Amino acid sequence: MLADLPGDDAMTFEELDGFFAALIHGPENVMPAGTCSGLGPIHRTNGRLQSFEEASTILELMMRHWHHITLTP
């Protein structure tokens, strides 16, 4: 999904992984909801996702990955 986003501003999966890992294992406690502004544009057309379902799917996958990283020592 990340690779399909238009433009060059969206993070790759590797960048997202590193971004989340730095936030999770960094010196300050950061909640997942506070990270969205650092992700760059996540859009499909006219700055918006195609549907609420698409946005929900992307957010659910990101949160699943966030929780996976929290369990990684």
N, C-alpha and C. Protein backbone atom coordinates (compact mmCIF):
# COMPACT_ATOMS: atom_id res chain seq x y z
N MET A 1 0.82 -1.20 0.00
CA MET A 1 0.00 0.00 0.00
C MET A 1 0.86 1.26 0.00
N LEU A 2 1.93 1.26 0.79
CA LEU A 2 2.78 2.45 0.84
C LEU A 2 3.44 2.70 -0.50
N ALA A 3 3.85 1.64 -1.17
CA ALA A 3 4.51 1.79 -2.47
C ALA A 3 3.55 2.33 -3.53
N ASP A 4 2.27 2.11 -3.36
CA ASP A 4 1.28 2.57 -4.33
C ASP A 4 0.87 4.02 -4.14
N LEU A 5 1.28 4.65 -3.05
CA LEU A 5 0.90 6.05 -2.82
C LEU A 5 1.60 6.95 -3.83
N PRO A 6 0.90 7.97 -4.32
CA PRO A 6 1.51 8.86 -5.31
C PRO A 6 2.53 9.80 -4.66
N GLY A 7 3.44 10.27 -5.48
CA GLY A 7 4.42 11.25 -5.01
C GLY A 7 5.59 10.61 -4.31
N ASP A 8 6.52 11.44 -3.92
CA ASP A 8 7.75 10.97 -3.28
C ASP A 8 7.77 11.24 -1.79
N ASP A 9 6.68 11.77 -1.23
CA ASP A 9 6.68 12.17 0.17
C ASP A 9 6.24 11.08 1.13
N ALA A 10 5.59 10.04 0.64
CA ALA A 10 5.13 8.97 1.51
C ALA A 10 6.32 8.10 1.92
N MET A 11 6.29 7.62 3.16
CA MET A 11 7.36 6.76 3.65
C MET A 11 7.29 5.38 3.00
N THR A 12 8.47 4.78 2.82
CA THR A 12 8.52 3.38 2.43
C THR A 12 8.27 2.55 3.70
N PHE A 13 8.07 1.26 3.52
CA PHE A 13 7.86 0.41 4.69
C PHE A 13 9.09 0.44 5.60
N GLU A 14 10.27 0.44 5.02
CA GLU A 14 11.50 0.46 5.82
C GLU A 14 11.61 1.75 6.62
N GLU A 15 11.23 2.87 6.02
CA GLU A 15 11.26 4.15 6.74
C GLU A 15 10.22 4.15 7.86
N LEU A 16 9.03 3.63 7.58
CA LEU A 16 7.99 3.55 8.60
C LEU A 16 8.44 2.66 9.76
N ASP A 17 9.06 1.55 9.44
CA ASP A 17 9.56 0.62 10.45
C ASP A 17 10.60 1.31 11.34
N GLY A 18 11.54 2.00 10.75
CA GLY A 18 12.55 2.71 11.52
C GLY A 18 11.97 3.85 12.33
N PHE A 19 11.02 4.56 11.76
CA PHE A 19 10.35 5.66 12.45
C PHE A 19 9.63 5.16 13.68
N PHE A 20 8.85 4.09 13.52
CA PHE A 20 8.14 3.50 14.66
C PHE A 20 9.11 2.97 15.70
N ALA A 21 10.15 2.26 15.27
CA ALA A 21 11.12 1.70 16.22
C ALA A 21 11.79 2.79 17.04
N ALA A 22 12.14 3.91 16.38
CA ALA A 22 12.78 5.02 17.10
C ALA A 22 11.82 5.63 18.12
N LEU A 23 10.56 5.77 17.76
CA LEU A 23 9.59 6.33 18.69
C LEU A 23 9.31 5.40 19.86
N ILE A 24 9.20 4.12 19.57
CA ILE A 24 8.86 3.14 20.60
C ILE A 24 10.01 2.93 21.58
N HIS A 25 11.22 2.83 21.07
CA HIS A 25 12.36 2.50 21.91
C HIS A 25 13.17 3.73 22.31
N GLY A 26 12.68 4.92 21.97
CA GLY A 26 13.38 6.16 22.32
C GLY A 26 13.21 6.51 23.78
N PRO A 27 13.85 7.60 24.19
CA PRO A 27 13.84 7.98 25.62
C PRO A 27 12.50 8.51 26.12
N GLU A 28 11.64 8.99 25.22
CA GLU A 28 10.34 9.53 25.65
C GLU A 28 9.23 8.57 25.24
N ASN A 29 8.21 8.51 26.07
CA ASN A 29 7.05 7.67 25.78
C ASN A 29 6.17 8.38 24.75
N VAL A 30 6.00 7.78 23.58
CA VAL A 30 5.18 8.36 22.51
C VAL A 30 4.05 7.40 22.20
N MET A 31 2.84 7.91 22.17
CA MET A 31 1.68 7.09 21.84
C MET A 31 1.51 7.06 20.31
N PRO A 32 0.98 5.96 19.77
CA PRO A 32 0.83 5.85 18.32
C PRO A 32 0.03 6.98 17.70
N ALA A 33 -0.99 7.46 18.38
CA ALA A 33 -1.84 8.51 17.81
C ALA A 33 -1.06 9.80 17.59
N GLY A 34 0.02 9.99 18.32
CA GLY A 34 0.81 11.20 18.17
C GLY A 34 1.80 11.16 17.03
N THR A 35 1.85 10.06 16.29
CA THR A 35 2.85 9.91 15.23
C THR A 35 2.35 10.29 13.85
N CYS A 36 1.07 10.44 13.66
CA CYS A 36 0.51 10.62 12.32
C CYS A 36 1.05 11.84 11.60
N SER A 37 1.34 12.91 12.31
CA SER A 37 1.82 14.12 11.63
C SER A 37 3.20 13.91 11.02
N GLY A 38 3.97 12.94 11.50
CA GLY A 38 5.30 12.70 10.96
C GLY A 38 5.34 11.73 9.81
N LEU A 39 4.20 11.21 9.41
CA LEU A 39 4.20 10.18 8.38
C LEU A 39 4.21 10.72 6.96
N GLY A 40 4.05 12.01 6.80
CA GLY A 40 3.98 12.54 5.45
C GLY A 40 2.61 12.30 4.87
N PRO A 41 2.40 12.77 3.65
CA PRO A 41 1.05 12.64 3.09
C PRO A 41 0.69 11.20 2.77
N ILE A 42 -0.46 10.80 3.23
CA ILE A 42 -1.03 9.51 2.86
C ILE A 42 -2.32 9.84 2.15
N HIS A 43 -2.25 9.88 0.85
CA HIS A 43 -3.41 10.29 0.08
C HIS A 43 -3.46 9.55 -1.24
N ARG A 44 -4.59 9.54 -1.86
CA ARG A 44 -4.76 8.92 -3.17
C ARG A 44 -5.15 9.98 -4.20
N THR A 45 -6.23 10.69 -3.98
CA THR A 45 -6.69 11.69 -4.92
C THR A 45 -7.09 12.95 -4.16
N ASN A 46 -6.62 14.08 -4.65
CA ASN A 46 -6.96 15.37 -4.04
C ASN A 46 -6.70 15.39 -2.54
N GLY A 47 -5.62 14.74 -2.11
CA GLY A 47 -5.26 14.77 -0.70
C GLY A 47 -6.09 13.87 0.18
N ARG A 48 -6.89 13.00 -0.40
CA ARG A 48 -7.75 12.13 0.41
C ARG A 48 -7.64 10.69 -0.03
N LEU A 49 -7.87 9.80 0.89
CA LEU A 49 -7.96 8.39 0.55
C LEU A 49 -9.26 8.14 -0.19
N GLN A 50 -9.31 7.05 -0.91
CA GLN A 50 -10.48 6.74 -1.71
C GLN A 50 -11.72 6.51 -0.85
N SER A 51 -11.53 5.94 0.34
CA SER A 51 -12.70 5.62 1.16
C SER A 51 -12.30 5.52 2.63
N PHE A 52 -13.30 5.53 3.47
CA PHE A 52 -13.08 5.32 4.90
C PHE A 52 -12.50 3.94 5.13
N GLU A 53 -12.95 2.96 4.36
CA GLU A 53 -12.45 1.59 4.51
C GLU A 53 -10.96 1.51 4.21
N GLU A 54 -10.52 2.23 3.16
CA GLU A 54 -9.10 2.23 2.83
C GLU A 54 -8.29 2.86 3.95
N ALA A 55 -8.78 3.98 4.48
CA ALA A 55 -8.09 4.64 5.59
C ALA A 55 -8.04 3.73 6.81
N SER A 56 -9.13 3.05 7.10
CA SER A 56 -9.18 2.14 8.25
C SER A 56 -8.21 0.98 8.08
N THR A 57 -8.13 0.45 6.87
CA THR A 57 -7.21 -0.66 6.60
C THR A 57 -5.77 -0.23 6.81
N ILE A 58 -5.41 0.92 6.26
CA ILE A 58 -4.04 1.42 6.41
C ILE A 58 -3.72 1.66 7.88
N LEU A 59 -4.62 2.31 8.59
CA LEU A 59 -4.39 2.59 10.00
C LEU A 59 -4.30 1.31 10.82
N GLU A 60 -5.15 0.34 10.53
CA GLU A 60 -5.10 -0.94 11.25
C GLU A 60 -3.78 -1.66 11.01
N LEU A 61 -3.30 -1.68 9.78
CA LEU A 61 -2.02 -2.32 9.48
C LEU A 61 -0.87 -1.60 10.17
N MET A 62 -0.92 -0.27 10.19
CA MET A 62 0.13 0.48 10.87
C MET A 62 0.14 0.20 12.36
N MET A 63 -1.03 0.13 12.98
CA MET A 63 -1.10 -0.14 14.42
C MET A 63 -0.68 -1.57 14.74
N ARG A 64 -1.00 -2.52 13.86
CA ARG A 64 -0.53 -3.89 14.07
C ARG A 64 0.99 -3.93 14.03
N HIS A 65 1.59 -3.19 13.11
CA HIS A 65 3.05 -3.15 13.02
C HIS A 65 3.64 -2.44 14.24
N TRP A 66 3.01 -1.36 14.68
CA TRP A 66 3.45 -0.65 15.89
C TRP A 66 3.50 -1.63 17.07
N HIS A 67 2.43 -2.41 17.26
CA HIS A 67 2.38 -3.36 18.37
C HIS A 67 3.39 -4.48 18.21
N HIS A 68 3.65 -4.90 16.98
CA HIS A 68 4.69 -5.90 16.73
C HIS A 68 6.05 -5.38 17.18
N ILE A 69 6.35 -4.13 16.86
CA ILE A 69 7.63 -3.55 17.25
C ILE A 69 7.73 -3.42 18.77
N THR A 70 6.62 -3.10 19.44
CA THR A 70 6.67 -2.98 20.92
C THR A 70 7.02 -4.31 21.57
N LEU A 71 6.73 -5.41 20.92
CA LEU A 71 7.05 -6.72 21.48
C LEU A 71 8.45 -7.19 21.13
N THR A 72 9.14 -6.43 20.27
CA THR A 72 10.50 -6.78 19.83
C THR A 72 11.50 -6.15 20.78
N PRO A 73 12.34 -6.95 21.43
CA PRO A 73 13.33 -6.37 22.37
C PRO A 73 14.40 -5.55 21.67
